[in-house]
């Protein structure tokens, strides 16, 4: 099931806020903090966690 998030305005930009539960889940799975996210756009927006090295 997809997670639906609203865009929020920050200054002249827009942002998507990631759910805390999503971050906690992936950090527990890897045992590492999420450092950044990888964003891929190819007719579909895909966001994946990038863990600290």
PDB file of N, CA and C in Angstrom:
ATOM      1  N   UNK A   1       0.845  -1.165   0.000  1.00  0.00           N
ATOM      2  CA  UNK A   1       0.000   0.000   0.000  1.00  0.00           C
ATOM      3  C   UNK A   1       0.898   1.239   0.000  1.00  0.00           C
ATOM      4  N   UNK A   2       0.672   2.174  -0.888  1.00  0.00           N
ATOM      5  CA  UNK A   2       1.501   3.383  -0.926  1.00  0.00           C
ATOM      6  C   UNK A   2       1.220   4.299   0.257  1.00  0.00           C
ATOM      7  N   UNK A   3       2.228   5.045   0.655  1.00  0.00           N
ATOM      8  CA  UNK A   3       2.064   6.074   1.683  1.00  0.00           C
ATOM      9  C   UNK A   3       1.853   7.394   0.947  1.00  0.00           C
ATOM     10  N   UNK A   4       0.761   8.057   1.226  1.00  0.00           N
ATOM     11  CA  UNK A   4       0.453   9.321   0.560  1.00  0.00           C
ATOM     12  C   UNK A   4       0.886  10.456   1.470  1.00  0.00           C
ATOM     13  N   UNK A   5       1.713  11.363   0.945  1.00  0.00           N
ATOM     14  CA  UNK A   5       2.206  12.514   1.699  1.00  0.00           C
ATOM     15  C   UNK A   5       1.853  13.785   0.938  1.00  0.00           C
ATOM     16  N   UNK A   6       1.578  14.842   1.634  1.00  0.00           N
ATOM     17  CA  UNK A   6       1.293  16.135   1.012  1.00  0.00           C
ATOM     18  C   UNK A   6       2.589  16.913   0.830  1.00  0.00           C
ATOM     19  N   UNK A   7       2.596  17.769  -0.174  1.00  0.00           N
ATOM     20  CA  UNK A   7       3.712  18.688  -0.355  1.00  0.00           C
ATOM     21  C   UNK A   7       3.503  19.863   0.589  1.00  0.00           C
ATOM     22  N   UNK A   8       4.596  20.326   1.211  1.00  0.00           N
ATOM     23  CA  UNK A   8       4.512  21.524   2.039  1.00  0.00           C
ATOM     24  C   UNK A   8       5.405  22.588   1.429  1.00  0.00           C
ATOM     25  N   UNK A   9       5.060  23.836   1.655  1.00  0.00           N
ATOM     26  CA  UNK A   9       5.833  24.944   1.105  1.00  0.00           C
ATOM     27  C   UNK A   9       6.859  25.392   2.135  1.00  0.00           C
ATOM     28  N   UNK A  10       8.111  25.497   1.692  1.00  0.00           N
ATOM     29  CA  UNK A  10       9.205  26.017   2.510  1.00  0.00           C
ATOM     30  C   UNK A  10       9.864  27.112   1.685  1.00  0.00           C
ATOM     31  N   UNK A  11       9.603  28.360   2.047  1.00  0.00           N
ATOM     32  CA  UNK A  11      10.100  29.481   1.239  1.00  0.00           C
ATOM     33  C   UNK A  11       9.475  29.423  -0.138  1.00  0.00           C
ATOM     34  N   UNK A  12      10.326  29.410  -1.185  1.00  0.00           N
ATOM     35  CA  UNK A  12       9.817  29.321  -2.557  1.00  0.00           C
ATOM     36  C   UNK A  12       9.896  27.904  -3.101  1.00  0.00           C
ATOM     37  N   UNK A  13      10.197  26.950  -2.234  1.00  0.00           N
ATOM     38  CA  UNK A  13      10.295  25.542  -2.642  1.00  0.00           C
ATOM     39  C   UNK A  13       9.162  24.737  -2.029  1.00  0.00           C
ATOM     40  N   UNK A  14       9.087  23.500  -2.425  1.00  0.00           N
ATOM     41  CA  UNK A  14       8.144  22.561  -1.823  1.00  0.00           C
ATOM     42  C   UNK A  14       8.915  21.354  -1.328  1.00  0.00           C
ATOM     43  N   UNK A  15       8.377  20.675  -0.321  1.00  0.00           N
ATOM     44  CA  UNK A  15       9.069  19.536   0.276  1.00  0.00           C
ATOM     45  C   UNK A  15       8.074  18.441   0.623  1.00  0.00           C
ATOM     46  N   UNK A  16       8.594  17.242   0.749  1.00  0.00           N
ATOM     47  CA  UNK A  16       7.835  16.092   1.234  1.00  0.00           C
ATOM     48  C   UNK A  16       8.497  15.686   2.542  1.00  0.00           C
ATOM     49  N   UNK A  17       7.736  15.589   3.600  1.00  0.00           N
ATOM     50  CA  UNK A  17       8.267  15.187   4.900  1.00  0.00           C
ATOM     51  C   UNK A  17       8.083  13.688   5.038  1.00  0.00           C
ATOM     52  N   UNK A  18       9.158  12.992   5.409  1.00  0.00           N
ATOM     53  CA  UNK A  18       9.101  11.540   5.569  1.00  0.00           C
ATOM     54  C   UNK A  18       8.565  11.184   6.955  1.00  0.00           C
ATOM     55  N   UNK A  19       7.739  10.160   7.045  1.00  0.00           N
ATOM     56  CA  UNK A  19       7.189   9.763   8.336  1.00  0.00           C
ATOM     57  C   UNK A  19       8.290   9.242   9.266  1.00  0.00           C
ATOM     58  N   UNK A  20       8.220   9.614  10.554  1.00  0.00           N
ATOM     59  CA  UNK A  20       9.199   9.168  11.535  1.00  0.00           C
ATOM     60  C   UNK A  20       9.230   7.644  11.611  1.00  0.00           C
ATOM     61  N   UNK A  21       8.076   7.005  11.529  1.00  0.00           N
ATOM     62  CA  UNK A  21       8.007   5.545  11.583  1.00  0.00           C
ATOM     63  C   UNK A  21       8.798   4.887  10.455  1.00  0.00           C
ATOM     64  N   UNK A  22       8.795   5.491   9.272  1.00  0.00           N
ATOM     65  CA  UNK A  22       9.549   4.980   8.121  1.00  0.00           C
ATOM     66  C   UNK A  22      11.038   5.036   8.417  1.00  0.00           C
ATOM     67  N   UNK A  23      11.483   6.187   8.941  1.00  0.00           N
ATOM     68  CA  UNK A  23      12.900   6.347   9.279  1.00  0.00           C
ATOM     69  C   UNK A  23      13.314   5.365  10.368  1.00  0.00           C
ATOM     70  N   UNK A  24      12.512   5.267  11.427  1.00  0.00           N
ATOM     71  CA  UNK A  24      12.831   4.340  12.521  1.00  0.00           C
ATOM     72  C   UNK A  24      12.913   2.900  12.029  1.00  0.00           C
ATOM     73  N   UNK A  25      11.972   2.478  11.201  1.00  0.00           N
ATOM     74  CA  UNK A  25      11.939   1.111  10.684  1.00  0.00           C
ATOM     75  C   UNK A  25      13.228   0.776   9.925  1.00  0.00           C
ATOM     76  N   UNK A  26      13.616   1.632   8.979  1.00  0.00           N
ATOM     77  CA  UNK A  26      14.795   1.337   8.170  1.00  0.00           C
ATOM     78  C   UNK A  26      16.089   1.439   8.971  1.00  0.00           C
ATOM     79  N   UNK A  27      16.139   2.345   9.946  1.00  0.00           N
ATOM     80  CA  UNK A  27      17.333   2.429  10.791  1.00  0.00           C
ATOM     81  C   UNK A  27      17.470   1.184  11.651  1.00  0.00           C
ATOM     82  N   UNK A  28      16.374   0.637  12.145  1.00  0.00           N
ATOM     83  CA  UNK A  28      16.423  -0.612  12.928  1.00  0.00           C
ATOM     84  C   UNK A  28      16.857  -1.780  12.044  1.00  0.00           C
ATOM     85  N   UNK A  29      16.360  -1.827  10.805  1.00  0.00           N
ATOM     86  CA  UNK A  29      16.701  -2.912   9.891  1.00  0.00           C
ATOM     87  C   UNK A  29      18.197  -2.957   9.606  1.00  0.00           C
ATOM     88  N   UNK A  30      18.823  -1.788   9.409  1.00  0.00           N
ATOM     89  CA  UNK A  30      20.238  -1.713   9.054  1.00  0.00           C
ATOM     90  C   UNK A  30      21.150  -1.567  10.264  1.00  0.00           C
ATOM     91  N   UNK A  31      20.607  -1.128  11.390  1.00  0.00           N
ATOM     92  CA  UNK A  31      21.425  -0.872  12.562  1.00  0.00           C
ATOM     93  C   UNK A  31      22.295   0.362  12.391  1.00  0.00           C
ATOM     94  N   UNK A  32      21.913   1.244  11.464  1.00  0.00           N
ATOM     95  CA  UNK A  32      22.665   2.464  11.179  1.00  0.00           C
ATOM     96  C   UNK A  32      21.683   3.611  10.986  1.00  0.00           C
ATOM     97  N   UNK A  33      22.165   4.831  11.198  1.00  0.00           N
ATOM     98  CA  UNK A  33      21.355   6.027  10.971  1.00  0.00           C
ATOM     99  C   UNK A  33      21.250   6.321   9.478  1.00  0.00           C
ATOM    100  N   UNK A  34      20.106   6.831   9.059  1.00  0.00           N
ATOM    101  CA  UNK A  34      19.943   7.276   7.679  1.00  0.00           C
ATOM    102  C   UNK A  34      20.633   8.625   7.552  1.00  0.00           C
ATOM    103  N   UNK A  35      21.576   8.707   6.625  1.00  0.00           N
ATOM    104  CA  UNK A  35      22.352   9.921   6.409  1.00  0.00           C
ATOM    105  C   UNK A  35      21.683  10.830   5.383  1.00  0.00           C
ATOM    106  N   UNK A  36      21.072  10.234   4.383  1.00  0.00           N
ATOM    107  CA  UNK A  36      20.427  10.969   3.292  1.00  0.00           C
ATOM    108  C   UNK A  36      19.456  10.016   2.608  1.00  0.00           C
ATOM    109  N   UNK A  37      18.766  10.501   1.599  1.00  0.00           N
ATOM    110  CA  UNK A  37      17.902   9.638   0.791  1.00  0.00           C
ATOM    111  C   UNK A  37      18.320   9.742  -0.666  1.00  0.00           C
ATOM    112  N   UNK A  38      18.105   8.661  -1.381  1.00  0.00           N
ATOM    113  CA  UNK A  38      18.367   8.621  -2.821  1.00  0.00           C
ATOM    114  C   UNK A  38      17.026   8.865  -3.503  1.00  0.00           C
ATOM    115  N   UNK A  39      16.994   9.820  -4.414  1.00  0.00           N
ATOM    116  CA  UNK A  39      15.759  10.135  -5.123  1.00  0.00           C
ATOM    117  C   UNK A  39      15.970   9.838  -6.598  1.00  0.00           C
ATOM    118  N   UNK A  40      15.106   9.013  -7.155  1.00  0.00           N
ATOM    119  CA  UNK A  40      15.171   8.662  -8.572  1.00  0.00           C
ATOM    120  C   UNK A  40      13.861   9.072  -9.224  1.00  0.00           C
ATOM    121  N   UNK A  41      13.954   9.764 -10.315  1.00  0.00           N
ATOM    122  CA  UNK A  41      12.757  10.195 -11.037  1.00  0.00           C
ATOM    123  C   UNK A  41      12.833   9.652 -12.456  1.00  0.00           C
ATOM    124  N   UNK A  42      11.933   8.754 -12.772  1.00  0.00           N
ATOM    125  CA  UNK A  42      11.845   8.184 -14.108  1.00  0.00           C
ATOM    126  C   UNK A  42      10.369   7.875 -14.353  1.00  0.00           C
ATOM    127  N   UNK A  43       9.599   8.938 -14.531  1.00  0.00           N
ATOM    128  CA  UNK A  43       8.136   8.862 -14.646  1.00  0.00           C
ATOM    129  C   UNK A  43       7.496   8.387 -13.351  1.00  0.00           C
ATOM    130  N   UNK A  44       8.335   8.182 -12.315  1.00  0.00           N
ATOM    131  CA  UNK A  44       7.861   7.742 -11.011  1.00  0.00           C
ATOM    132  C   UNK A  44       8.896   8.193  -9.990  1.00  0.00           C
ATOM    133  N   UNK A  45       8.460   8.794  -8.896  1.00  0.00           N
ATOM    134  CA  UNK A  45       9.375   9.256  -7.864  1.00  0.00           C
ATOM    135  C   UNK A  45       9.652   8.103  -6.902  1.00  0.00           C
ATOM    136  N   UNK A  46      10.916   7.747  -6.750  1.00  0.00           N
ATOM    137  CA  UNK A  46      11.324   6.684  -5.838  1.00  0.00           C
ATOM    138  C   UNK A  46      12.295   7.267  -4.829  1.00  0.00           C
ATOM    139  N   UNK A  47      12.029   7.032  -3.529  1.00  0.00           N
ATOM    140  CA  UNK A  47      12.895   7.531  -2.471  1.00  0.00           C
ATOM    141  C   UNK A  47      13.388   6.332  -1.663  1.00  0.00           C
ATOM    142  N   UNK A  48      14.706   6.199  -1.525  1.00  0.00           N
ATOM    143  CA  UNK A  48      15.303   5.101  -0.760  1.00  0.00           C
ATOM    144  C   UNK A  48      16.288   5.660   0.253  1.00  0.00           C
ATOM    145  N   UNK A  49      16.456   4.982   1.399  1.00  0.00           N
ATOM    146  CA  UNK A  49      17.402   5.475   2.395  1.00  0.00           C
ATOM    147  C   UNK A  49      18.846   5.247   1.982  1.00  0.00           C
ATOM    148  N   UNK A  50      19.730   6.172   2.382  1.00  0.00           N
ATOM    149  CA  UNK A  50      21.169   6.020   2.211  1.00  0.00           C
ATOM    150  C   UNK A  50      21.755   6.055   3.612  1.00  0.00           C
ATOM    151  N   UNK A  51      22.379   4.972   4.032  1.00  0.00           N
ATOM    152  CA  UNK A  51      22.858   4.846   5.399  1.00  0.00           C
ATOM    153  C   UNK A  51      24.267   5.378   5.555  1.00  0.00           C
ATOM    154  N   UNK A  52      24.591   5.839   6.778  1.00  0.00           N
ATOM    155  CA  UNK A  52      25.940   6.336   7.039  1.00  0.00           C
ATOM    156  C   UNK A  52      26.936   5.217   6.824  1.00  0.00           C
ATOM    157  N   UNK A  53      28.092   5.567   6.377  1.00  0.00           N
ATOM    158  CA  UNK A  53      29.123   4.573   6.037  1.00  0.00           C
ATOM    159  C   UNK A  53      29.853   4.094   7.256  1.00  0.00           C
TER     160      UNK A  53
END
